Amino acid sequence: MLHGLRGHCNSPIAGYCVTDPDGQLNLRGMVFSRDGSTFVHAHIRGERLNDPALIGSRVCSQLLRQGARDIIEGIPHSRH
């Protein structure tokens, strides 16, 4: 997820992944504006393949579709 978002240690990005009791991975991702007033979020459960790289990529794609790149870069956007 971080790789796809081109995140680094100063990026306003959060990710939280757990393994459910049934063994499925569950990833939540968020991207915030620096002041916290704007954010986007996405959530994917491992589903059939339960592949960590695929799940991270899918969460990343959802975040980017919601405008995460602009938020990370600090570009104001009226949709957020």
N, C-alpha and C. Protein backbone atom coordinates (compact mmCIF):
# COMPACT_ATOMS: atom_id res chain seq x y z
N MET A 1 0.82 -1.18 0.00
CA MET A 1 0.00 0.00 0.00
C MET A 1 0.87 1.25 0.00
N LEU A 2 1.85 1.30 0.89
CA LEU A 2 2.73 2.47 0.96
C LEU A 2 3.52 2.65 -0.33
N HIS A 3 3.99 1.55 -0.88
CA HIS A 3 4.75 1.62 -2.13
C HIS A 3 3.90 2.22 -3.25
N GLY A 4 2.69 1.76 -3.40
CA GLY A 4 1.81 2.25 -4.45
C GLY A 4 1.42 3.71 -4.25
N LEU A 5 1.32 4.13 -3.00
CA LEU A 5 0.99 5.53 -2.70
C LEU A 5 2.22 6.41 -2.75
N ARG A 6 3.39 5.77 -2.95
CA ARG A 6 4.68 6.47 -2.91
C ARG A 6 4.88 7.18 -1.58
N GLY A 7 4.51 6.46 -0.52
CA GLY A 7 4.61 7.02 0.81
C GLY A 7 6.02 6.94 1.36
N HIS A 8 6.28 7.80 2.30
CA HIS A 8 7.56 7.82 3.02
C HIS A 8 7.27 8.15 4.47
N CYS A 9 8.28 8.30 5.28
CA CYS A 9 8.07 8.46 6.71
C CYS A 9 7.35 9.76 7.08
N ASN A 10 7.29 10.74 6.20
CA ASN A 10 6.58 11.98 6.48
C ASN A 10 5.22 12.06 5.81
N SER A 11 4.81 10.99 5.14
CA SER A 11 3.52 10.99 4.46
C SER A 11 2.39 10.79 5.47
N PRO A 12 1.27 11.48 5.27
CA PRO A 12 0.12 11.33 6.18
C PRO A 12 -0.71 10.10 5.82
N ILE A 13 -0.12 8.92 6.00
CA ILE A 13 -0.73 7.65 5.60
C ILE A 13 -0.79 6.73 6.81
N ALA A 14 -1.92 6.03 6.94
CA ALA A 14 -2.08 5.04 8.00
C ALA A 14 -2.51 3.72 7.38
N GLY A 15 -1.98 2.64 7.89
CA GLY A 15 -2.39 1.31 7.46
C GLY A 15 -2.45 0.40 8.67
N TYR A 16 -3.48 -0.44 8.71
CA TYR A 16 -3.64 -1.36 9.83
C TYR A 16 -4.13 -2.69 9.28
N CYS A 17 -3.36 -3.73 9.48
CA CYS A 17 -3.71 -5.05 8.96
C CYS A 17 -3.74 -6.06 10.10
N VAL A 18 -4.79 -6.86 10.14
CA VAL A 18 -4.91 -7.93 11.12
C VAL A 18 -5.29 -9.21 10.41
N THR A 19 -5.06 -10.32 11.08
CA THR A 19 -5.51 -11.61 10.59
C THR A 19 -6.76 -11.98 11.38
N ASP A 20 -7.87 -12.16 10.67
CA ASP A 20 -9.12 -12.55 11.31
C ASP A 20 -9.01 -13.97 11.85
N PRO A 21 -9.90 -14.36 12.77
CA PRO A 21 -9.87 -15.73 13.32
C PRO A 21 -9.92 -16.82 12.24
N ASP A 22 -10.53 -16.51 11.09
CA ASP A 22 -10.61 -17.52 10.03
C ASP A 22 -9.38 -17.51 9.11
N GLY A 23 -8.36 -16.69 9.46
CA GLY A 23 -7.12 -16.67 8.71
C GLY A 23 -7.06 -15.64 7.59
N GLN A 24 -8.15 -14.92 7.37
CA GLN A 24 -8.19 -13.91 6.30
C GLN A 24 -7.54 -12.61 6.77
N LEU A 25 -6.74 -12.01 5.89
CA LEU A 25 -6.15 -10.71 6.18
C LEU A 25 -7.22 -9.63 6.01
N ASN A 26 -7.10 -8.59 6.81
CA ASN A 26 -8.08 -7.51 6.84
C ASN A 26 -7.28 -6.21 6.90
N LEU A 27 -7.23 -5.43 5.80
CA LEU A 27 -6.40 -4.23 5.73
C LEU A 27 -7.26 -2.98 5.61
N ARG A 28 -6.99 -2.02 6.48
CA ARG A 28 -7.61 -0.70 6.43
C ARG A 28 -6.51 0.30 6.11
N GLY A 29 -6.78 1.20 5.19
CA GLY A 29 -5.82 2.24 4.84
C GLY A 29 -6.49 3.60 4.85
N MET A 30 -5.74 4.62 5.25
CA MET A 30 -6.24 5.99 5.25
C MET A 30 -5.12 6.93 4.82
N VAL A 31 -5.52 8.02 4.19
CA VAL A 31 -4.61 9.10 3.84
C VAL A 31 -5.25 10.38 4.34
N PHE A 32 -4.47 11.19 5.05
CA PHE A 32 -4.96 12.40 5.69
C PHE A 32 -4.27 13.64 5.13
N SER A 33 -4.98 14.77 5.16
CA SER A 33 -4.31 16.04 4.89
C SER A 33 -3.45 16.36 6.12
N ARG A 34 -2.50 17.24 5.97
CA ARG A 34 -1.58 17.57 7.07
C ARG A 34 -2.32 18.07 8.30
N ASP A 35 -3.41 18.83 8.09
CA ASP A 35 -4.15 19.36 9.24
C ASP A 35 -5.25 18.42 9.72
N GLY A 36 -5.42 17.28 9.04
CA GLY A 36 -6.41 16.29 9.45
C GLY A 36 -7.84 16.60 9.03
N SER A 37 -8.05 17.70 8.32
CA SER A 37 -9.42 18.08 7.95
C SER A 37 -9.97 17.28 6.78
N THR A 38 -9.11 16.67 6.00
CA THR A 38 -9.51 15.90 4.82
C THR A 38 -8.88 14.52 4.89
N PHE A 39 -9.65 13.51 4.54
CA PHE A 39 -9.09 12.16 4.53
C PHE A 39 -9.89 11.28 3.59
N VAL A 40 -9.26 10.20 3.17
CA VAL A 40 -9.91 9.13 2.41
C VAL A 40 -9.56 7.82 3.09
N HIS A 41 -10.43 6.84 2.94
CA HIS A 41 -10.16 5.55 3.58
C HIS A 41 -10.64 4.41 2.70
N ALA A 42 -10.05 3.25 2.91
CA ALA A 42 -10.43 2.05 2.17
C ALA A 42 -10.22 0.84 3.07
N HIS A 43 -10.97 -0.22 2.79
CA HIS A 43 -10.89 -1.44 3.59
C HIS A 43 -11.07 -2.64 2.67
N ILE A 44 -10.16 -3.59 2.77
CA ILE A 44 -10.26 -4.83 1.99
C ILE A 44 -10.04 -6.01 2.93
N ARG A 45 -10.87 -7.02 2.77
CA ARG A 45 -10.69 -8.29 3.48
C ARG A 45 -10.08 -9.26 2.48
N GLY A 46 -9.18 -10.11 2.95
CA GLY A 46 -8.40 -11.00 2.09
C GLY A 46 -9.13 -11.76 1.03
N GLU A 47 -10.35 -12.08 1.26
CA GLU A 47 -11.14 -12.82 0.30
C GLU A 47 -10.48 -14.14 -0.07
N ARG A 48 -10.67 -14.58 -1.28
CA ARG A 48 -10.23 -15.92 -1.69
C ARG A 48 -8.72 -16.10 -1.70
N LEU A 49 -7.99 -15.16 -2.29
CA LEU A 49 -6.55 -15.35 -2.45
C LEU A 49 -5.75 -15.04 -1.19
N ASN A 50 -6.21 -14.08 -0.39
CA ASN A 50 -5.54 -13.72 0.86
C ASN A 50 -4.06 -13.39 0.64
N ASP A 51 -3.74 -12.75 -0.47
CA ASP A 51 -2.39 -12.38 -0.84
C ASP A 51 -2.09 -10.97 -0.32
N PRO A 52 -1.12 -10.81 0.60
CA PRO A 52 -0.84 -9.50 1.19
C PRO A 52 -0.52 -8.42 0.15
N ALA A 53 0.28 -8.74 -0.86
CA ALA A 53 0.64 -7.75 -1.88
C ALA A 53 -0.59 -7.33 -2.68
N LEU A 54 -1.46 -8.26 -3.01
CA LEU A 54 -2.67 -7.96 -3.76
C LEU A 54 -3.62 -7.10 -2.93
N ILE A 55 -3.77 -7.44 -1.67
CA ILE A 55 -4.64 -6.67 -0.79
C ILE A 55 -4.12 -5.24 -0.65
N GLY A 56 -2.82 -5.09 -0.44
CA GLY A 56 -2.23 -3.75 -0.35
C GLY A 56 -2.42 -2.96 -1.62
N SER A 57 -2.26 -3.60 -2.75
CA SER A 57 -2.45 -2.95 -4.04
C SER A 57 -3.89 -2.51 -4.24
N ARG A 58 -4.83 -3.35 -3.84
CA ARG A 58 -6.25 -3.00 -3.99
C ARG A 58 -6.64 -1.84 -3.09
N VAL A 59 -6.15 -1.84 -1.85
CA VAL A 59 -6.44 -0.71 -0.95
C VAL A 59 -5.82 0.57 -1.52
N CYS A 60 -4.60 0.47 -2.00
CA CYS A 60 -3.93 1.61 -2.63
C CYS A 60 -4.76 2.15 -3.79
N SER A 61 -5.23 1.28 -4.66
CA SER A 61 -6.03 1.71 -5.81
C SER A 61 -7.30 2.43 -5.38
N GLN A 62 -7.96 1.90 -4.36
CA GLN A 62 -9.17 2.55 -3.86
C GLN A 62 -8.85 3.94 -3.32
N LEU A 63 -7.75 4.06 -2.57
CA LEU A 63 -7.37 5.35 -2.02
C LEU A 63 -7.02 6.35 -3.13
N LEU A 64 -6.29 5.89 -4.13
CA LEU A 64 -5.93 6.78 -5.23
C LEU A 64 -7.16 7.26 -6.00
N ARG A 65 -8.14 6.38 -6.19
CA ARG A 65 -9.38 6.78 -6.88
C ARG A 65 -10.13 7.85 -6.09
N GLN A 66 -9.93 7.89 -4.79
CA GLN A 66 -10.61 8.87 -3.94
C GLN A 66 -9.82 10.17 -3.80
N GLY A 67 -8.65 10.25 -4.43
CA GLY A 67 -7.87 11.49 -4.38
C GLY A 67 -6.70 11.49 -3.43
N ALA A 68 -6.22 10.33 -3.03
CA ALA A 68 -5.12 10.24 -2.07
C ALA A 68 -3.86 10.95 -2.55
N ARG A 69 -3.55 10.88 -3.84
CA ARG A 69 -2.32 11.52 -4.35
C ARG A 69 -2.35 13.01 -4.07
N ASP A 70 -3.48 13.68 -4.36
CA ASP A 70 -3.59 15.12 -4.10
C ASP A 70 -3.45 15.43 -2.61
N ILE A 71 -4.05 14.59 -1.78
CA ILE A 71 -3.96 14.82 -0.33
C ILE A 71 -2.52 14.69 0.13
N ILE A 72 -1.82 13.65 -0.32
CA ILE A 72 -0.43 13.45 0.07
C ILE A 72 0.43 14.63 -0.37
N GLU A 73 0.17 15.12 -1.58
CA GLU A 73 0.95 16.23 -2.12
C GLU A 73 0.52 17.58 -1.56
N GLY A 74 -0.57 17.61 -0.78
CA GLY A 74 -1.04 18.86 -0.20
C GLY A 74 -1.81 19.75 -1.16
N ILE A 75 -2.36 19.14 -2.22
CA ILE A 75 -3.11 19.91 -3.21
C ILE A 75 -4.58 19.97 -2.76
N PRO A 76 -5.11 21.19 -2.56
CA PRO A 76 -6.52 21.30 -2.16
C PRO A 76 -7.44 20.76 -3.25
N HIS A 77 -8.50 20.11 -2.84
CA HIS A 77 -9.43 19.54 -3.80
C HIS A 77 -10.82 19.62 -3.19
N SER A 78 -11.77 20.07 -3.93
CA SER A 78 -13.12 20.29 -3.41
C SER A 78 -13.89 19.01 -3.12
N ARG A 79 -13.49 17.86 -3.71
CA ARG A 79 -14.22 16.60 -3.50
C ARG A 79 -13.99 16.02 -2.12
N HIS A 80 -12.93 16.39 -1.43
CA HIS A 80 -12.57 15.71 -0.17
C HIS A 80 -13.29 16.34 1.00
